[in-house]
Amino acid sequence: MTNKLKIDFYFYQFLSNRYQPSFVEMHFKFCDMIQSDTIFGPALLTAMGSTCPYPPGIYDLKNMSIPYVPKNFPFTKGRIYCNATLTEGGVTRAIGHGHIDVEVKT
């Protein structure tokens, strides 16, 4: 996994018993995210070990905690949809997607 892998995060707020789109989005090249992002980077670095590039293999990303959430984050319960795309030889293709349910606690 290198910077050829792009991760897009779309944040949805839990309101009235459903997830509704918010204005919060984040877009990263994979290695740049791990090395410089203050929200997801530290948690991924702890979960995955060394630094980029990562060799092929199985990585367990269960029960991750984000150590820093901005104090002015607009909601406390929601879902983050993630899309992963890979660009090789000028061609970009989707390689994965998923979601993460989140609850911000103080």
N, C-alpha and C. Protein backbone atom coordinates (compact mmCIF):
# COMPACT_ATOMS: atom_id res chain seq x y z
N MET A 1 0.85 -1.17 0.00
CA MET A 1 0.00 0.00 0.00
C MET A 1 0.89 1.23 0.00
N THR A 2 0.65 2.07 -0.95
CA THR A 2 1.45 3.28 -1.14
C THR A 2 0.51 4.46 -1.36
N ASN A 3 1.05 5.57 -1.82
CA ASN A 3 0.22 6.74 -2.14
C ASN A 3 -0.61 6.55 -3.40
N LYS A 4 -0.44 5.41 -4.09
CA LYS A 4 -1.32 5.10 -5.22
C LYS A 4 -2.73 4.76 -4.72
N LEU A 5 -2.83 4.46 -3.43
CA LEU A 5 -4.11 4.16 -2.80
C LEU A 5 -4.68 5.45 -2.23
N LYS A 6 -5.91 5.79 -2.62
CA LYS A 6 -6.57 7.00 -2.13
C LYS A 6 -7.76 6.59 -1.28
N ILE A 7 -7.90 7.24 -0.12
CA ILE A 7 -9.00 6.97 0.81
C ILE A 7 -9.85 8.23 0.92
N ASP A 8 -11.15 8.07 0.73
CA ASP A 8 -12.10 9.17 0.87
C ASP A 8 -13.05 8.85 2.03
N PHE A 9 -13.23 9.81 2.93
CA PHE A 9 -14.13 9.66 4.07
C PHE A 9 -15.27 10.65 3.93
N TYR A 10 -16.50 10.16 4.10
CA TYR A 10 -17.70 10.99 4.07
C TYR A 10 -18.43 10.79 5.39
N PHE A 11 -18.61 11.86 6.15
CA PHE A 11 -19.19 11.79 7.48
C PHE A 11 -20.70 12.03 7.43
N TYR A 12 -21.44 11.16 8.09
CA TYR A 12 -22.88 11.28 8.21
C TYR A 12 -23.23 11.41 9.69
N GLN A 13 -24.16 12.31 10.00
CA GLN A 13 -24.59 12.54 11.37
C GLN A 13 -25.84 11.71 11.65
N PHE A 14 -25.90 11.12 12.87
CA PHE A 14 -27.08 10.35 13.27
C PHE A 14 -28.11 11.31 13.85
N LEU A 15 -29.20 11.52 13.12
CA LEU A 15 -30.29 12.42 13.52
C LEU A 15 -31.62 11.76 13.23
N SER A 16 -32.55 11.86 14.15
CA SER A 16 -33.91 11.31 13.96
C SER A 16 -33.86 9.85 13.52
N ASN A 17 -33.01 9.07 14.17
CA ASN A 17 -32.88 7.62 13.92
C ASN A 17 -32.43 7.26 12.52
N ARG A 18 -31.67 8.15 11.88
CA ARG A 18 -31.09 7.80 10.57
C ARG A 18 -29.81 8.61 10.36
N TYR A 19 -28.96 8.10 9.48
CA TYR A 19 -27.71 8.77 9.16
C TYR A 19 -27.95 9.75 8.03
N GLN A 20 -27.60 11.01 8.26
CA GLN A 20 -27.82 12.05 7.26
C GLN A 20 -26.48 12.67 6.88
N PRO A 21 -26.28 12.95 5.59
CA PRO A 21 -25.00 13.51 5.15
C PRO A 21 -24.68 14.82 5.87
N SER A 22 -23.41 15.01 6.18
CA SER A 22 -22.95 16.27 6.76
C SER A 22 -22.03 16.95 5.75
N PHE A 23 -21.50 18.07 6.12
CA PHE A 23 -20.59 18.80 5.25
C PHE A 23 -19.14 18.33 5.43
N VAL A 24 -18.89 17.38 6.35
CA VAL A 24 -17.53 16.96 6.66
C VAL A 24 -17.10 15.85 5.69
N GLU A 25 -15.98 16.08 5.01
CA GLU A 25 -15.36 15.09 4.13
C GLU A 25 -13.86 15.18 4.29
N MET A 26 -13.17 14.06 4.09
CA MET A 26 -11.71 14.04 4.12
C MET A 26 -11.24 13.15 2.98
N HIS A 27 -10.18 13.58 2.30
CA HIS A 27 -9.63 12.84 1.16
C HIS A 27 -8.12 12.77 1.32
N PHE A 28 -7.57 11.55 1.24
CA PHE A 28 -6.14 11.36 1.49
C PHE A 28 -5.52 10.38 0.51
N LYS A 29 -4.24 10.59 0.24
CA LYS A 29 -3.40 9.53 -0.29
C LYS A 29 -2.97 8.73 0.94
N PHE A 30 -2.91 7.42 0.81
CA PHE A 30 -2.77 6.54 1.98
C PHE A 30 -1.56 6.86 2.85
N CYS A 31 -0.38 6.87 2.30
CA CYS A 31 0.83 7.12 3.11
C CYS A 31 0.84 8.53 3.70
N ASP A 32 0.35 9.50 2.92
CA ASP A 32 0.28 10.86 3.44
C ASP A 32 -0.63 10.93 4.66
N MET A 33 -1.74 10.18 4.64
CA MET A 33 -2.66 10.17 5.76
C MET A 33 -1.99 9.61 7.01
N ILE A 34 -1.31 8.50 6.87
CA ILE A 34 -0.67 7.88 8.03
C ILE A 34 0.43 8.77 8.59
N GLN A 35 1.17 9.43 7.73
CA GLN A 35 2.31 10.23 8.19
C GLN A 35 1.94 11.62 8.68
N SER A 36 0.83 12.21 8.20
CA SER A 36 0.59 13.61 8.56
C SER A 36 -0.78 13.93 9.13
N ASP A 37 -1.78 13.07 8.97
CA ASP A 37 -3.10 13.37 9.49
C ASP A 37 -3.12 13.19 11.01
N THR A 38 -3.72 14.14 11.73
CA THR A 38 -3.74 14.07 13.20
C THR A 38 -4.93 13.31 13.74
N ILE A 39 -5.92 12.97 12.90
CA ILE A 39 -7.09 12.26 13.39
C ILE A 39 -6.95 10.75 13.14
N PHE A 40 -6.85 10.33 11.89
CA PHE A 40 -6.77 8.91 11.56
C PHE A 40 -5.34 8.37 11.56
N GLY A 41 -4.38 9.21 11.26
CA GLY A 41 -2.99 8.77 11.13
C GLY A 41 -2.43 8.04 12.33
N PRO A 42 -2.50 8.60 13.55
CA PRO A 42 -1.93 7.90 14.71
C PRO A 42 -2.58 6.53 14.97
N ALA A 43 -3.90 6.45 14.81
CA ALA A 43 -4.59 5.18 15.05
C ALA A 43 -4.16 4.12 14.02
N LEU A 44 -4.05 4.51 12.76
CA LEU A 44 -3.61 3.56 11.73
C LEU A 44 -2.15 3.17 11.93
N LEU A 45 -1.32 4.11 12.30
CA LEU A 45 0.09 3.80 12.53
C LEU A 45 0.23 2.79 13.68
N THR A 46 -0.55 2.98 14.74
CA THR A 46 -0.53 2.03 15.86
C THR A 46 -1.04 0.66 15.43
N ALA A 47 -2.12 0.63 14.66
CA ALA A 47 -2.72 -0.64 14.25
C ALA A 47 -1.87 -1.39 13.23
N MET A 48 -1.18 -0.66 12.35
CA MET A 48 -0.47 -1.31 11.25
C MET A 48 1.03 -1.47 11.49
N GLY A 49 1.56 -0.82 12.51
CA GLY A 49 2.98 -0.99 12.79
C GLY A 49 3.84 0.03 12.09
N SER A 50 4.75 -0.44 11.27
CA SER A 50 5.79 0.41 10.67
C SER A 50 5.22 1.53 9.81
N THR A 51 6.03 2.06 8.95
CA THR A 51 5.60 3.17 8.08
C THR A 51 5.47 2.71 6.63
N CYS A 52 4.91 3.56 5.81
CA CYS A 52 4.67 3.27 4.39
C CYS A 52 5.97 3.11 3.62
N PRO A 53 5.94 2.36 2.52
CA PRO A 53 4.83 1.56 2.00
C PRO A 53 4.65 0.27 2.80
N TYR A 54 3.42 -0.25 2.83
CA TYR A 54 3.11 -1.48 3.54
C TYR A 54 3.08 -2.65 2.57
N PRO A 55 3.68 -3.77 2.96
CA PRO A 55 3.66 -4.95 2.09
C PRO A 55 2.28 -5.60 2.09
N PRO A 56 2.00 -6.43 1.09
CA PRO A 56 0.73 -7.16 1.09
C PRO A 56 0.62 -8.00 2.36
N GLY A 57 -0.59 -8.16 2.84
CA GLY A 57 -0.79 -8.97 4.04
C GLY A 57 -2.14 -8.69 4.67
N ILE A 58 -2.34 -9.28 5.81
CA ILE A 58 -3.58 -9.11 6.55
C ILE A 58 -3.30 -8.13 7.69
N TYR A 59 -4.14 -7.10 7.79
CA TYR A 59 -4.01 -6.09 8.83
C TYR A 59 -5.31 -6.06 9.62
N ASP A 60 -5.22 -6.19 10.93
CA ASP A 60 -6.40 -6.20 11.81
C ASP A 60 -6.66 -4.79 12.29
N LEU A 61 -7.74 -4.19 11.85
CA LEU A 61 -8.06 -2.80 12.20
C LEU A 61 -9.31 -2.72 13.09
N LYS A 62 -9.54 -3.73 13.92
CA LYS A 62 -10.71 -3.76 14.79
C LYS A 62 -10.51 -2.89 16.02
N ASN A 63 -11.60 -2.34 16.51
CA ASN A 63 -11.64 -1.61 17.77
C ASN A 63 -10.59 -0.51 17.87
N MET A 64 -10.43 0.24 16.82
CA MET A 64 -9.47 1.35 16.84
C MET A 64 -10.07 2.54 17.57
N SER A 65 -9.23 3.26 18.27
CA SER A 65 -9.64 4.49 18.93
C SER A 65 -8.89 5.65 18.31
N ILE A 66 -9.58 6.74 18.12
CA ILE A 66 -8.98 7.95 17.59
C ILE A 66 -8.61 8.82 18.80
N PRO A 67 -7.32 9.09 19.01
CA PRO A 67 -6.92 9.82 20.22
C PRO A 67 -7.27 11.30 20.22
N TYR A 68 -7.50 11.87 19.05
CA TYR A 68 -7.74 13.31 18.98
C TYR A 68 -8.92 13.60 18.06
N VAL A 69 -9.93 14.23 18.60
CA VAL A 69 -11.06 14.72 17.80
C VAL A 69 -11.17 16.21 18.10
N PRO A 70 -11.23 17.04 17.07
CA PRO A 70 -11.32 18.48 17.32
C PRO A 70 -12.49 18.83 18.24
N LYS A 71 -12.27 19.75 19.16
CA LYS A 71 -13.30 20.12 20.13
C LYS A 71 -14.54 20.69 19.46
N ASN A 72 -14.39 21.27 18.31
CA ASN A 72 -15.54 21.86 17.62
C ASN A 72 -16.16 20.92 16.58
N PHE A 73 -15.89 19.62 16.67
CA PHE A 73 -16.47 18.67 15.72
C PHE A 73 -17.99 18.77 15.83
N PRO A 74 -18.71 18.82 14.69
CA PRO A 74 -20.12 19.22 14.71
C PRO A 74 -21.13 18.21 15.27
N PHE A 75 -20.75 16.96 15.53
CA PHE A 75 -21.71 16.01 16.11
C PHE A 75 -20.99 14.92 16.89
N THR A 76 -21.75 14.17 17.70
CA THR A 76 -21.15 13.16 18.58
C THR A 76 -21.48 11.73 18.19
N LYS A 77 -22.43 11.53 17.30
CA LYS A 77 -22.76 10.17 16.87
C LYS A 77 -22.99 10.19 15.38
N GLY A 78 -22.38 9.22 14.68
CA GLY A 78 -22.54 9.20 13.24
C GLY A 78 -21.92 7.98 12.60
N ARG A 79 -21.74 8.08 11.31
CA ARG A 79 -21.16 7.00 10.51
C ARG A 79 -20.21 7.64 9.51
N ILE A 80 -19.09 6.99 9.29
CA ILE A 80 -18.13 7.44 8.30
C ILE A 80 -18.11 6.41 7.18
N TYR A 81 -18.45 6.83 5.98
CA TYR A 81 -18.35 5.96 4.81
C TYR A 81 -16.97 6.14 4.21
N CYS A 82 -16.32 5.03 3.87
CA CYS A 82 -14.97 5.05 3.32
C CYS A 82 -14.96 4.41 1.94
N ASN A 83 -14.29 5.06 1.01
CA ASN A 83 -14.08 4.50 -0.32
C ASN A 83 -12.58 4.45 -0.57
N ALA A 84 -12.12 3.36 -1.13
CA ALA A 84 -10.71 3.21 -1.47
C ALA A 84 -10.57 3.01 -2.97
N THR A 85 -9.68 3.79 -3.59
CA THR A 85 -9.41 3.65 -5.01
C THR A 85 -7.91 3.51 -5.22
N LEU A 86 -7.54 2.80 -6.26
CA LEU A 86 -6.14 2.57 -6.58
C LEU A 86 -5.87 3.08 -7.99
N THR A 87 -4.80 3.86 -8.13
CA THR A 87 -4.42 4.38 -9.44
C THR A 87 -3.10 3.73 -9.85
N GLU A 88 -3.15 3.02 -10.96
CA GLU A 88 -1.96 2.37 -11.52
C GLU A 88 -1.99 2.54 -13.03
N GLY A 89 -0.87 2.97 -13.59
CA GLY A 89 -0.77 3.13 -15.04
C GLY A 89 -1.78 4.12 -15.60
N GLY A 90 -2.13 5.14 -14.82
CA GLY A 90 -3.08 6.15 -15.27
C GLY A 90 -4.53 5.72 -15.17
N VAL A 91 -4.78 4.51 -14.66
CA VAL A 91 -6.15 4.01 -14.53
C VAL A 91 -6.52 3.95 -13.05
N THR A 92 -7.67 4.53 -12.71
CA THR A 92 -8.15 4.51 -11.33
C THR A 92 -9.32 3.55 -11.22
N ARG A 93 -9.26 2.67 -10.23
CA ARG A 93 -10.37 1.72 -10.04
C ARG A 93 -10.70 1.61 -8.55
N ALA A 94 -11.97 1.40 -8.28
CA ALA A 94 -12.42 1.20 -6.90
C ALA A 94 -11.96 -0.17 -6.43
N ILE A 95 -11.40 -0.22 -5.21
CA ILE A 95 -10.95 -1.51 -4.69
C ILE A 95 -11.62 -1.88 -3.38
N GLY A 96 -12.35 -0.94 -2.77
CA GLY A 96 -13.03 -1.28 -1.53
C GLY A 96 -13.86 -0.14 -0.99
N HIS A 97 -14.78 -0.51 -0.13
CA HIS A 97 -15.61 0.48 0.54
C HIS A 97 -16.14 -0.13 1.83
N GLY A 98 -16.57 0.71 2.72
CA GLY A 98 -17.12 0.24 3.98
C GLY A 98 -17.59 1.42 4.80
N HIS A 99 -18.00 1.12 6.01
CA HIS A 99 -18.40 2.20 6.90
C HIS A 99 -17.93 1.91 8.32
N ILE A 100 -17.83 2.97 9.08
CA ILE A 100 -17.40 2.92 10.47
C ILE A 100 -18.43 3.69 11.28
N ASP A 101 -19.03 3.05 12.26
CA ASP A 101 -19.93 3.76 13.16
C ASP A 101 -19.11 4.40 14.25
N VAL A 102 -19.39 5.67 14.55
CA VAL A 102 -18.58 6.41 15.53
C VAL A 102 -19.45 7.06 16.59
N GLU A 103 -18.85 7.18 17.76
CA GLU A 103 -19.46 7.93 18.85
C GLU A 103 -18.33 8.69 19.54
N VAL A 104 -18.47 9.99 19.60
CA VAL A 104 -17.45 10.84 20.21
C VAL A 104 -17.79 11.00 21.67
N LYS A 105 -16.83 10.63 22.52
CA LYS A 105 -17.04 10.74 23.97
C LYS A 105 -16.01 11.70 24.54
N THR A 106 -16.42 12.46 25.53
CA THR A 106 -15.50 13.40 26.16
C THR A 106 -14.99 12.86 27.48
